[in-house]
Amino acid sequence: PRRSLMRALAARGLRPLLLDWGDPGAAERRFDLDAYYVARA
């Protein structure tokens, strides 16, 4: 609560959207960086 960059951004009038990659699932286990960019980012 005292060290949250996301909530600090929101408290100053911005709308922060955090991309949480998560643990690799069956699809992501085959991902190289290109796939992470094209298929996720």
PDB file of all heavy atoms in Angstrom:
ATOM      1  N   PRO A   1       0.801  -1.229   0.000  1.00  0.00           N
ATOM      2  CA  PRO A   1       0.000   0.000   0.000  1.00  0.00           C
ATOM      3  C   PRO A   1       0.830   1.275   0.000  1.00  0.00           C
ATOM      4  O   PRO A   1       0.406   2.295  -0.553  1.00  0.00           O
ATOM      5  CB  PRO A   1      -0.819  -0.131   1.295  1.00  0.00           C
ATOM      6  CG  PRO A   1      -0.941  -1.594   1.519  1.00  0.00           C
ATOM      7  CD  PRO A   1       0.360  -2.183   1.043  1.00  0.00           C
ATOM      8  N   ARG A   2       2.023   1.230   0.586  1.00  0.00           N
ATOM      9  CA  ARG A   2       2.878   2.430   0.596  1.00  0.00           C
ATOM     10  C   ARG A   2       3.927   2.405  -0.506  1.00  0.00           C
ATOM     11  O   ARG A   2       4.711   3.348  -0.610  1.00  0.00           O
ATOM     12  CB  ARG A   2       3.568   2.564   1.964  1.00  0.00           C
ATOM     13  CG  ARG A   2       2.606   2.821   3.114  1.00  0.00           C
ATOM     14  CD  ARG A   2       3.345   3.196   4.378  1.00  0.00           C
ATOM     15  NE  ARG A   2       4.227   2.135   4.831  1.00  0.00           N
ATOM     16  CZ  ARG A   2       3.834   1.103   5.575  1.00  0.00           C
ATOM     17  NH1 ARG A   2       2.555   0.981   5.920  1.00  0.00           N
ATOM     18  NH2 ARG A   2       4.681   0.173   5.967  1.00  0.00           N
ATOM     19  N   ARG A   3       3.974   1.353  -1.295  1.00  0.00           N
ATOM     20  CA  ARG A   3       4.964   1.259  -2.365  1.00  0.00           C
ATOM     21  C   ARG A   3       4.317   0.624  -3.590  1.00  0.00           C
ATOM     22  O   ARG A   3       4.708  -0.440  -4.037  1.00  0.00           O
ATOM     23  CB  ARG A   3       6.159   0.406  -1.932  1.00  0.00           C
ATOM     24  CG  ARG A   3       7.051   1.029  -0.894  1.00  0.00           C
ATOM     25  CD  ARG A   3       7.910   2.171  -1.447  1.00  0.00           C
ATOM     26  NE  ARG A   3       8.949   2.504  -0.498  1.00  0.00           N
ATOM     27  CZ  ARG A   3       8.763   3.256   0.576  1.00  0.00           C
ATOM     28  NH1 ARG A   3       7.562   3.753   0.815  1.00  0.00           N
ATOM     29  NH2 ARG A   3       9.755   3.511   1.408  1.00  0.00           N
ATOM     30  N   SER A   4       3.317   1.297  -4.133  1.00  0.00           N
ATOM     31  CA  SER A   4       2.650   0.822  -5.334  1.00  0.00           C
ATOM     32  C   SER A   4       2.722   1.901  -6.399  1.00  0.00           C
ATOM     33  O   SER A   4       2.023   2.918  -6.327  1.00  0.00           O
ATOM     34  CB  SER A   4       1.187   0.469  -5.055  1.00  0.00           C
ATOM     35  OG  SER A   4       0.506   0.182  -6.265  1.00  0.00           O
ATOM     36  N   LEU A   5       3.577   1.700  -7.383  1.00  0.00           N
ATOM     37  CA  LEU A   5       3.673   2.658  -8.474  1.00  0.00           C
ATOM     38  C   LEU A   5       2.348   2.724  -9.234  1.00  0.00           C
ATOM     39  O   LEU A   5       1.896   3.804  -9.630  1.00  0.00           O
ATOM     40  CB  LEU A   5       4.805   2.263  -9.419  1.00  0.00           C
ATOM     41  CG  LEU A   5       4.946   3.101 -10.691  1.00  0.00           C
ATOM     42  CD1 LEU A   5       5.119   4.578 -10.367  1.00  0.00           C
ATOM     43  CD2 LEU A   5       6.109   2.591 -11.545  1.00  0.00           C
ATOM     44  N   MET A   6       1.696   1.574  -9.437  1.00  0.00           N
ATOM     45  CA  MET A   6       0.440   1.566 -10.180  1.00  0.00           C
ATOM     46  C   MET A   6      -0.616   2.433  -9.496  1.00  0.00           C
ATOM     47  O   MET A   6      -1.306   3.234 -10.149  1.00  0.00           O
ATOM     48  CB  MET A   6      -0.073   0.135 -10.326  1.00  0.00           C
ATOM     49  CG  MET A   6       0.879  -0.809 -11.059  1.00  0.00           C
ATOM     50  SD  MET A   6       1.338  -0.234 -12.702  1.00  0.00           S
ATOM     51  CE  MET A   6      -0.244  -0.244 -13.519  1.00  0.00           C
ATOM     52  N   ARG A   7      -0.752   2.292  -8.193  1.00  0.00           N
ATOM     53  CA  ARG A   7      -1.776   3.058  -7.477  1.00  0.00           C
ATOM     54  C   ARG A   7      -1.391   4.533  -7.356  1.00  0.00           C
ATOM     55  O   ARG A   7      -2.266   5.407  -7.299  1.00  0.00           O
ATOM     56  CB  ARG A   7      -2.031   2.426  -6.110  1.00  0.00           C
ATOM     57  CG  ARG A   7      -2.646   1.030  -6.238  1.00  0.00           C
ATOM     58  CD  ARG A   7      -2.736   0.261  -4.933  1.00  0.00           C
ATOM     59  NE  ARG A   7      -2.956  -1.141  -5.197  1.00  0.00           N
ATOM     60  CZ  ARG A   7      -4.167  -1.721  -5.292  1.00  0.00           C
ATOM     61  NH1 ARG A   7      -5.251  -1.003  -5.117  1.00  0.00           N
ATOM     62  NH2 ARG A   7      -4.265  -3.018  -5.544  1.00  0.00           N
ATOM     63  N   ALA A   8      -0.084   4.813  -7.348  1.00  0.00           N
ATOM     64  CA  ALA A   8       0.356   6.210  -7.339  1.00  0.00           C
ATOM     65  C   ALA A   8      -0.008   6.889  -8.656  1.00  0.00           C
ATOM     66  O   ALA A   8      -0.434   8.052  -8.677  1.00  0.00           O
ATOM     67  CB  ALA A   8       1.856   6.285  -7.097  1.00  0.00           C
ATOM     68  N   LEU A   9       0.155   6.184  -9.776  1.00  0.00           N
ATOM     69  CA  LEU A   9      -0.236   6.744 -11.071  1.00  0.00           C
ATOM     70  C   LEU A   9      -1.743   7.008 -11.101  1.00  0.00           C
ATOM     71  O   LEU A   9      -2.194   8.061 -11.560  1.00  0.00           O
ATOM     72  CB  LEU A   9       0.142   5.775 -12.193  1.00  0.00           C
ATOM     73  CG  LEU A   9       1.633   5.483 -12.402  1.00  0.00           C
ATOM     74  CD1 LEU A   9       1.815   4.430 -13.489  1.00  0.00           C
ATOM     75  CD2 LEU A   9       2.407   6.739 -12.760  1.00  0.00           C
ATOM     76  N   ALA A  10      -2.521   6.021 -10.615  1.00  0.00           N
ATOM     77  CA  ALA A  10      -3.978   6.178 -10.621  1.00  0.00           C
ATOM     78  C   ALA A  10      -4.426   7.327  -9.725  1.00  0.00           C
ATOM     79  O   ALA A  10      -5.403   8.029 -10.036  1.00  0.00           O
ATOM     80  CB  ALA A  10      -4.633   4.872 -10.188  1.00  0.00           C
ATOM     81  N   ALA A  11      -3.725   7.529  -8.617  1.00  0.00           N
ATOM     82  CA  ALA A  11      -4.094   8.591  -7.676  1.00  0.00           C
ATOM     83  C   ALA A  11      -3.770   9.977  -8.209  1.00  0.00           C
ATOM     84  O   ALA A  11      -4.201  10.982  -7.613  1.00  0.00           O
ATOM     85  CB  ALA A  11      -3.378   8.373  -6.345  1.00  0.00           C
ATOM     86  N   ARG A  12      -3.019  10.045  -9.308  1.00  0.00           N
ATOM     87  CA  ARG A  12      -2.691  11.337  -9.919  1.00  0.00           C
ATOM     88  C   ARG A  12      -3.432  11.560 -11.235  1.00  0.00           C
ATOM     89  O   ARG A  12      -3.025  12.381 -12.055  1.00  0.00           O
ATOM     90  CB  ARG A  12      -1.182  11.425 -10.137  1.00  0.00           C
ATOM     91  CG  ARG A  12      -0.365  11.482  -8.861  1.00  0.00           C
ATOM     92  CD  ARG A  12      -0.590  12.770  -8.080  1.00  0.00           C
ATOM     93  NE  ARG A  12      -0.180  13.930  -8.862  1.00  0.00           N
ATOM     94  CZ  ARG A  12       1.073  14.388  -8.930  1.00  0.00           C
ATOM     95  NH1 ARG A  12       2.022  13.780  -8.226  1.00  0.00           N
ATOM     96  NH2 ARG A  12       1.361  15.430  -9.657  1.00  0.00           N
ATOM     97  N   GLY A  13      -4.525  10.837 -11.436  1.00  0.00           N
ATOM     98  CA  GLY A  13      -5.381  11.118 -12.580  1.00  0.00           C
ATOM     99  C   GLY A  13      -5.056  10.363 -13.844  1.00  0.00           C
ATOM    100  O   GLY A  13      -5.615  10.671 -14.907  1.00  0.00           O
ATOM    101  N   LEU A  14      -4.184   9.368 -13.766  1.00  0.00           N
ATOM    102  CA  LEU A  14      -3.864   8.551 -14.929  1.00  0.00           C
ATOM    103  C   LEU A  14      -4.639   7.234 -14.853  1.00  0.00           C
ATOM    104  O   LEU A  14      -5.178   6.872 -13.807  1.00  0.00           O
ATOM    105  CB  LEU A  14      -2.360   8.280 -14.993  1.00  0.00           C
ATOM    106  CG  LEU A  14      -1.482   9.519 -15.181  1.00  0.00           C
ATOM    107  CD1 LEU A  14      -0.042   9.222 -14.798  1.00  0.00           C
ATOM    108  CD2 LEU A  14      -1.563  10.034 -16.621  1.00  0.00           C
ATOM    109  N   ARG A  15      -4.687   6.523 -15.979  1.00  0.00           N
ATOM    110  CA  ARG A  15      -5.344   5.205 -16.001  1.00  0.00           C
ATOM    111  C   ARG A  15      -4.297   4.147 -16.328  1.00  0.00           C
ATOM    112  O   ARG A  15      -4.110   3.773 -17.482  1.00  0.00           O
ATOM    113  CB  ARG A  15      -6.475   5.174 -17.025  1.00  0.00           C
ATOM    114  CG  ARG A  15      -7.309   3.887 -16.958  1.00  0.00           C
ATOM    115  CD  ARG A  15      -8.422   3.870 -17.980  1.00  0.00           C
ATOM    116  NE  ARG A  15      -9.209   2.649 -17.887  1.00  0.00           N
ATOM    117  CZ  ARG A  15     -10.218   2.347 -18.708  1.00  0.00           C
ATOM    118  NH1 ARG A  15     -10.548   3.192 -19.683  1.00  0.00           N
ATOM    119  NH2 ARG A  15     -10.868   1.211 -18.558  1.00  0.00           N
ATOM    120  N   PRO A  16      -3.622   3.616 -15.330  1.00  0.00           N
ATOM    121  CA  PRO A  16      -2.573   2.629 -15.584  1.00  0.00           C
ATOM    122  C   PRO A  16      -3.183   1.255 -15.885  1.00  0.00           C
ATOM    123  O   PRO A  16      -4.065   0.780 -15.172  1.00  0.00           O
ATOM    124  CB  PRO A  16      -1.773   2.593 -14.276  1.00  0.00           C
ATOM    125  CG  PRO A  16      -2.375   3.653 -13.405  1.00  0.00           C
ATOM    126  CD  PRO A  16      -3.741   3.929 -13.911  1.00  0.00           C
ATOM    127  N   LEU A  17      -2.675   0.626 -16.929  1.00  0.00           N
ATOM    128  CA  LEU A  17      -3.096  -0.715 -17.330  1.00  0.00           C
ATOM    129  C   LEU A  17      -1.867  -1.608 -17.301  1.00  0.00           C
ATOM    130  O   LEU A  17      -0.951  -1.447 -18.109  1.00  0.00           O
ATOM    131  CB  LEU A  17      -3.709  -0.681 -18.726  1.00  0.00           C
ATOM    132  CG  LEU A  17      -4.965   0.199 -18.859  1.00  0.00           C
ATOM    133  CD1 LEU A  17      -5.210   0.589 -20.306  1.00  0.00           C
ATOM    134  CD2 LEU A  17      -6.183  -0.516 -18.295  1.00  0.00           C
ATOM    135  N   LEU A  18      -1.830  -2.521 -16.345  1.00  0.00           N
ATOM    136  CA  LEU A  18      -0.648  -3.353 -16.133  1.00  0.00           C
ATOM    137  C   LEU A  18      -0.762  -4.648 -16.928  1.00  0.00           C
ATOM    138  O   LEU A  18      -1.716  -5.409 -16.758  1.00  0.00           O
ATOM    139  CB  LEU A  18      -0.490  -3.674 -14.642  1.00  0.00           C
ATOM    140  CG  LEU A  18       0.656  -4.620 -14.264  1.00  0.00           C
ATOM    141  CD1 LEU A  18       2.010  -4.039 -14.659  1.00  0.00           C
ATOM    142  CD2 LEU A  18       0.619  -4.916 -12.761  1.00  0.00           C
ATOM    143  N   LEU A  19       0.224  -4.891 -17.795  1.00  0.00           N
ATOM    144  CA  LEU A  19       0.291  -6.147 -18.536  1.00  0.00           C
ATOM    145  C   LEU A  19       0.956  -7.197 -17.649  1.00  0.00           C
ATOM    146  O   LEU A  19       2.165  -7.165 -17.433  1.00  0.00           O
ATOM    147  CB  LEU A  19       1.084  -5.961 -19.833  1.00  0.00           C
ATOM    148  CG  LEU A  19       1.339  -7.230 -20.658  1.00  0.00           C
ATOM    149  CD1 LEU A  19       0.040  -7.944 -21.003  1.00  0.00           C
ATOM    150  CD2 LEU A  19       2.129  -6.902 -21.915  1.00  0.00           C
ATOM    151  N   ASP A  20       0.163  -8.110 -17.129  1.00  0.00           N
ATOM    152  CA  ASP A  20       0.665  -9.215 -16.306  1.00  0.00           C
ATOM    153  C   ASP A  20       0.850 -10.416 -17.234  1.00  0.00           C
ATOM    154  O   ASP A  20      -0.126 -10.988 -17.718  1.00  0.00           O
ATOM    155  CB  ASP A  20      -0.342  -9.524 -15.201  1.00  0.00           C
ATOM    156  CG  ASP A  20       0.130 -10.632 -14.269  1.00  0.00           C
ATOM    157  OD1 ASP A  20       1.187 -11.241 -14.546  1.00  0.00           O
ATOM    158  OD2 ASP A  20      -0.564 -10.905 -13.274  1.00  0.00           O
ATOM    159  N   TRP A  21       2.114 -10.795 -17.492  1.00  0.00           N
ATOM    160  CA  TRP A  21       2.396 -11.878 -18.432  1.00  0.00           C
ATOM    161  C   TRP A  21       1.884 -13.227 -17.908  1.00  0.00           C
ATOM    162  O   TRP A  21       1.521 -14.095 -18.704  1.00  0.00           O
ATOM    163  CB  TRP A  21       3.899 -12.003 -18.673  1.00  0.00           C
ATOM    164  CG  TRP A  21       4.579 -10.797 -19.220  1.00  0.00           C
ATOM    165  CD1 TRP A  21       5.354  -9.916 -18.518  1.00  0.00           C
ATOM    166  CD2 TRP A  21       4.573 -10.329 -20.574  1.00  0.00           C
ATOM    167  NE1 TRP A  21       5.843  -8.936 -19.359  1.00  0.00           N
ATOM    168  CE2 TRP A  21       5.378  -9.165 -20.622  1.00  0.00           C
ATOM    169  CE3 TRP A  21       3.976 -10.784 -21.750  1.00  0.00           C
ATOM    170  CZ2 TRP A  21       5.601  -8.455 -21.799  1.00  0.00           C
ATOM    171  CZ3 TRP A  21       4.188 -10.074 -22.927  1.00  0.00           C
ATOM    172  CH2 TRP A  21       4.984  -8.924 -22.943  1.00  0.00           C
ATOM    173  N   GLY A  22       1.905 -13.417 -16.598  1.00  0.00           N
ATOM    174  CA  GLY A  22       1.510 -14.686 -16.005  1.00  0.00           C
ATOM    175  C   GLY A  22       2.553 -15.771 -16.216  1.00  0.00           C
ATOM    176  O   GLY A  22       3.557 -15.586 -16.910  1.00  0.00           O
ATOM    177  N   ASP A  23       2.333 -16.924 -15.585  1.00  0.00           N
ATOM    178  CA  ASP A  23       3.203 -18.080 -15.801  1.00  0.00           C
ATOM    179  C   ASP A  23       2.965 -18.640 -17.200  1.00  0.00           C
ATOM    180  O   ASP A  23       1.824 -18.640 -17.690  1.00  0.00           O
ATOM    181  CB  ASP A  23       2.906 -19.168 -14.769  1.00  0.00           C
ATOM    182  CG  ASP A  23       3.365 -18.778 -13.380  1.00  0.00           C
ATOM    183  OD1 ASP A  23       4.580 -18.765 -13.152  1.00  0.00           O
ATOM    184  OD2 ASP A  23       2.494 -18.482 -12.535  1.00  0.00           O
ATOM    185  N   PRO A  24       4.006 -19.142 -17.865  1.00  0.00           N
ATOM    186  CA  PRO A  24       3.808 -19.698 -19.205  1.00  0.00           C
ATOM    187  C   PRO A  24       2.832 -20.876 -19.176  1.00  0.00           C
ATOM    188  O   PRO A  24       3.007 -21.825 -18.410  1.00  0.00           O
ATOM    189  CB  PRO A  24       5.208 -20.158 -19.612  1.00  0.00           C
ATOM    190  CG  PRO A  24       6.150 -19.407 -18.736  1.00  0.00           C
ATOM    191  CD  PRO A  24       5.415 -19.197 -17.446  1.00  0.00           C
ATOM    192  N   GLY A  25       1.789 -20.807 -20.003  1.00  0.00           N
ATOM    193  CA  GLY A  25       0.869 -21.925 -20.176  1.00  0.00           C
ATOM    194  C   GLY A  25       1.315 -22.794 -21.335  1.00  0.00           C
ATOM    195  O   GLY A  25       2.434 -22.667 -21.855  1.00  0.00           O
ATOM    196  N   ALA A  26       0.429 -23.656 -21.778  1.00  0.00           N
ATOM    197  CA  ALA A  26       0.779 -24.578 -22.861  1.00  0.00           C
ATOM    198  C   ALA A  26       1.199 -23.827 -24.117  1.00  0.00           C
ATOM    199  O   ALA A  26       2.138 -24.229 -24.814  1.00  0.00           O
ATOM    200  CB  ALA A  26      -0.409 -25.500 -23.154  1.00  0.00           C
ATOM    201  N   ALA A  27       0.509 -22.729 -24.434  1.00  0.00           N
ATOM    202  CA  ALA A  27       0.859 -21.957 -25.633  1.00  0.00           C
ATOM    203  C   ALA A  27       2.151 -21.178 -25.420  1.00  0.00           C
ATOM    204  O   ALA A  27       3.059 -21.197 -26.265  1.00  0.00           O
ATOM    205  CB  ALA A  27      -0.281 -21.009 -25.986  1.00  0.00           C
ATOM    206  N   GLU A  28       2.257 -20.492 -24.271  1.00  0.00           N
ATOM    207  CA  GLU A  28       3.418 -19.617 -24.042  1.00  0.00           C
ATOM    208  C   GLU A  28       4.722 -20.387 -23.910  1.00  0.00           C
ATOM    209  O   GLU A  28       5.794 -19.811 -24.137  1.00  0.00           O
ATOM    210  CB  GLU A  28       3.186 -18.765 -22.796  1.00  0.00           C
ATOM    211  CG  GLU A  28       2.142 -17.675 -22.953  1.00  0.00           C
ATOM    212  CD  GLU A  28       0.750 -18.135 -22.577  1.00  0.00           C
ATOM    213  OE1 GLU A  28       0.588 -19.338 -22.285  1.00  0.00           O
ATOM    214  OE2 GLU A  28      -0.176 -17.309 -22.589  1.00  0.00           O
ATOM    215  N   ARG A  29       4.675 -21.650 -23.541  1.00  0.00           N
ATOM    216  CA  ARG A  29       5.916 -22.414 -23.417  1.00  0.00           C
ATOM    217  C   ARG A  29       6.654 -22.551 -24.748  1.00  0.00           C
ATOM    218  O   ARG A  29       7.846 -22.875 -24.758  1.00  0.00           O
ATOM    219  CB  ARG A  29       5.627 -23.793 -22.837  1.00  0.00           C
ATOM    220  CG  ARG A  29       5.298 -23.767 -21.346  1.00  0.00           C
ATOM    221  CD  ARG A  29       4.841 -25.107 -20.851  1.00  0.00           C
ATOM    222  NE  ARG A  29       4.390 -25.027 -19.464  1.00  0.00           N
ATOM    223  CZ  ARG A  29       3.626 -25.920 -18.871  1.00  0.00           C
ATOM    224  NH1 ARG A  29       3.220 -26.990 -19.544  1.00  0.00           N
ATOM    225  NH2 ARG A  29       3.264 -25.768 -17.612  1.00  0.00           N
ATOM    226  N   ARG A  30       5.967 -22.293 -25.843  1.00  0.00           N
ATOM    227  CA  ARG A  30       6.603 -22.337 -27.172  1.00  0.00           C
ATOM    228  C   ARG A  30       7.014 -20.955 -27.654  1.00  0.00           C
ATOM    229  O   ARG A  30       7.530 -20.823 -28.755  1.00  0.00           O
ATOM    230  CB  ARG A  30       5.654 -22.971 -28.183  1.00  0.00           C
ATOM    231  CG  ARG A  30       5.221 -24.386 -27.840  1.00  0.00           C
ATOM    232  CD  ARG A  30       4.465 -25.024 -28.992  1.00  0.00           C
ATOM    233  NE  ARG A  30       3.217 -24.303 -29.285  1.00  0.00           N
ATOM    234  CZ  ARG A  30       2.033 -24.585 -28.724  1.00  0.00           C
ATOM    235  NH1 ARG A  30       1.952 -25.551 -27.821  1.00  0.00           N
ATOM    236  NH2 ARG A  30       0.953 -23.910 -29.052  1.00  0.00           N
ATOM    237  N   PHE A  31       6.791 -19.933 -26.828  1.00  0.00           N
ATOM    238  CA  PHE A  31       6.999 -18.548 -27.271  1.00  0.00           C
ATOM    239  C   PHE A  31       8.471 -18.153 -27.218  1.00  0.00           C
ATOM    240  O   PHE A  31       9.153 -18.363 -26.218  1.00  0.00           O
ATOM    241  CB  PHE A  31       6.220 -17.587 -26.388  1.00  0.00           C
ATOM    242  CG  PHE A  31       4.777 -17.415 -26.771  1.00  0.00           C
ATOM    243  CD1 PHE A  31       4.142 -18.324 -27.595  1.00  0.00           C
ATOM    244  CD2 PHE A  31       4.038 -16.351 -26.288  1.00  0.00           C
ATOM    245  CE1 PHE A  31       2.808 -18.180 -27.938  1.00  0.00           C
ATOM    246  CE2 PHE A  31       2.712 -16.182 -26.617  1.00  0.00           C
ATOM    247  CZ  PHE A  31       2.099 -17.098 -27.449  1.00  0.00           C
ATOM    248  N   ASP A  32       8.936 -17.546 -28.299  1.00  0.00           N
ATOM    249  CA  ASP A  32      10.179 -16.785 -28.247  1.00  0.00           C
ATOM    250  C   ASP A  32       9.791 -15.328 -28.015  1.00  0.00           C
ATOM    251  O   ASP A  32       8.608 -15.005 -27.805  1.00  0.00           O
ATOM    252  CB  ASP A  32      11.008 -16.972 -29.513  1.00  0.00           C
ATOM    253  CG  ASP A  32      10.241 -16.621 -30.781  1.00  0.00           C
ATOM    254  OD1 ASP A  32       9.136 -16.025 -30.681  1.00  0.00           O
ATOM    255  OD2 ASP A  32      10.740 -16.927 -31.881  1.00  0.00           O
ATOM    256  N   LEU A  33      10.777 -14.419 -28.020  1.00  0.00           N
ATOM    257  CA  LEU A  33      10.451 -13.018 -27.753  1.00  0.00           C
ATOM    258  C   LEU A  33       9.554 -12.437 -28.832  1.00  0.00           C
ATOM    259  O   LEU A  33       8.685 -11.593 -28.556  1.00  0.00           O
ATOM    260  CB  LEU A  33      11.736 -12.198 -27.627  1.00  0.00           C
ATOM    261  CG  LEU A  33      12.612 -12.507 -26.409  1.00  0.00           C
ATOM    262  CD1 LEU A  33      13.808 -11.575 -26.366  1.00  0.00           C
ATOM    263  CD2 LEU A  33      11.814 -12.401 -25.102  1.00  0.00           C
ATOM    264  N   ASP A  34       9.738 -12.872 -30.057  1.00  0.00           N
ATOM    265  CA  ASP A  34       8.894 -12.385 -31.151  1.00  0.00           C
ATOM    266  C   ASP A  34       7.434 -12.754 -30.893  1.00  0.00           C
ATOM    267  O   ASP A  34       6.524 -11.932 -31.078  1.00  0.00           O
ATOM    268  CB  ASP A  34       9.376 -12.986 -32.475  1.00  0.00           C
ATOM    269  CG  ASP A  34       8.566 -12.482 -33.653  1.00  0.00           C
ATOM    270  OD1 ASP A  34       8.771 -11.321 -34.063  1.00  0.00           O
ATOM    271  OD2 ASP A  34       7.706 -13.242 -34.161  1.00  0.00           O
ATOM    272  N   ALA A  35       7.187 -13.985 -30.455  1.00  0.00           N
ATOM    273  CA  ALA A  35       5.821 -14.410 -30.189  1.00  0.00           C
ATOM    274  C   ALA A  35       5.221 -13.643 -29.022  1.00  0.00           C
ATOM    275  O   ALA A  35       4.034 -13.269 -29.046  1.00  0.00           O
ATOM    276  CB  ALA A  35       5.786 -15.917 -29.912  1.00  0.00           C
ATOM    277  N   TYR A  36       6.015 -13.385 -27.977  1.00  0.00           N
ATOM    278  CA  TYR A  36       5.500 -12.606 -26.857  1.00  0.00           C
ATOM    279  C   TYR A  36       5.093 -11.205 -27.319  1.00  0.00           C
ATOM    280  O   TYR A  36       4.093 -10.649 -26.853  1.00  0.00           O
ATOM    281  CB  TYR A  36       6.538 -12.502 -25.742  1.00  0.00           C
ATOM    282  CG  TYR A  36       6.420 -13.581 -24.699  1.00  0.00           C
ATOM    283  CD1 TYR A  36       7.392 -14.568 -24.562  1.00  0.00           C
ATOM    284  CD2 TYR A  36       5.328 -13.627 -23.840  1.00  0.00           C
ATOM    285  CE1 TYR A  36       7.284 -15.563 -23.597  1.00  0.00           C
ATOM    286  CE2 TYR A  36       5.202 -14.615 -22.875  1.00  0.00           C
ATOM    287  CZ  TYR A  36       6.181 -15.576 -22.756  1.00  0.00           C
ATOM    288  OH  TYR A  36       6.055 -16.558 -21.805  1.00  0.00           O
ATOM    289  N   TYR A  37       5.845 -10.659 -28.245  1.00  0.00           N
ATOM    290  CA  TYR A  37       5.536  -9.321 -28.744  1.00  0.00           C
ATOM    291  C   TYR A  37       4.307  -9.344 -29.649  1.00  0.00           C
ATOM    292  O   TYR A  37       3.340  -8.594 -29.437  1.00  0.00           O
ATOM    293  CB  TYR A  37       6.744  -8.768 -29.501  1.00  0.00           C
ATOM    294  CG  TYR A  37       6.511  -7.416 -30.146  1.00  0.00           C
ATOM    295  CD1 TYR A  37       6.504  -6.258 -29.382  1.00  0.00           C
ATOM    296  CD2 TYR A  37       6.303  -7.305 -31.523  1.00  0.00           C
ATOM    297  CE1 TYR A  37       6.291  -5.017 -29.966  1.00  0.00           C
ATOM    298  CE2 TYR A  37       6.094  -6.071 -32.117  1.00  0.00           C
ATOM    299  CZ  TYR A  37       6.081  -4.933 -31.338  1.00  0.00           C
ATOM    300  OH  TYR A  37       5.867  -3.706 -31.917  1.00  0.00           O
ATOM    301  N   VAL A  38       4.326 -10.218 -30.642  1.00  0.00           N
ATOM    302  CA  VAL A  38       3.257 -10.239 -31.636  1.00  0.00           C
ATOM    303  C   VAL A  38       1.944 -10.756 -31.056  1.00  0.00           C
ATOM    304  O   VAL A  38       0.869 -10.214 -31.334  1.00  0.00           O
ATOM    305  CB  VAL A  38       3.682 -11.100 -32.850  1.00  0.00           C
ATOM    306  CG1 VAL A  38       2.522 -11.293 -33.817  1.00  0.00           C
ATOM    307  CG2 VAL A  38       4.864 -10.458 -33.568  1.00  0.00           C
ATOM    308  N   ALA A  39       2.025 -11.797 -30.216  1.00  0.00           N
ATOM    309  CA  ALA A  39       0.813 -12.466 -29.745  1.00  0.00           C
ATOM    310  C   ALA A  39       0.328 -11.977 -28.388  1.00  0.00           C
ATOM    311  O   ALA A  39      -0.771 -12.362 -27.966  1.00  0.00           O
ATOM    312  CB  ALA A  39       1.046 -13.976 -29.690  1.00  0.00           C
ATOM    313  N   ARG A  40       1.122 -11.165 -27.683  1.00  0.00           N
ATOM    314  CA  ARG A  40       0.702 -10.693 -26.370  1.00  0.00           C
ATOM    315  C   ARG A  40       0.855  -9.173 -26.220  1.00  0.00           C
ATOM    316  O   ARG A  40      -0.105  -8.481 -25.918  1.00  0.00           O
ATOM    317  CB  ARG A  40       1.491 -11.421 -25.271  1.00  0.00           C
ATOM    318  CG  ARG A  40       1.227 -12.915 -25.203  1.00  0.00           C
ATOM    319  CD  ARG A  40      -0.189 -13.226 -24.786  1.00  0.00           C
ATOM    320  NE  ARG A  40      -0.422 -14.668 -24.676  1.00  0.00           N
ATOM    321  CZ  ARG A  40      -0.894 -15.425 -25.656  1.00  0.00           C
ATOM    322  NH1 ARG A  40      -1.198 -14.878 -26.831  1.00  0.00           N
ATOM    323  NH2 ARG A  40      -1.097 -16.734 -25.483  1.00  0.00           N
ATOM    324  N   ALA A  41       2.065  -8.638 -26.391  1.00  0.00           N
ATOM    325  CA  ALA A  41       2.284  -7.204 -26.141  1.00  0.00           C
ATOM    326  C   ALA A  41       1.510  -6.330 -27.124  1.00  0.00           C
ATOM    327  O   ALA A  41       0.873  -5.346 -26.727  1.00  0.00           O
ATOM    328  CB  ALA A  41       3.774  -6.887 -26.195  1.00  0.00           C
TER     329      ALA A  41
END
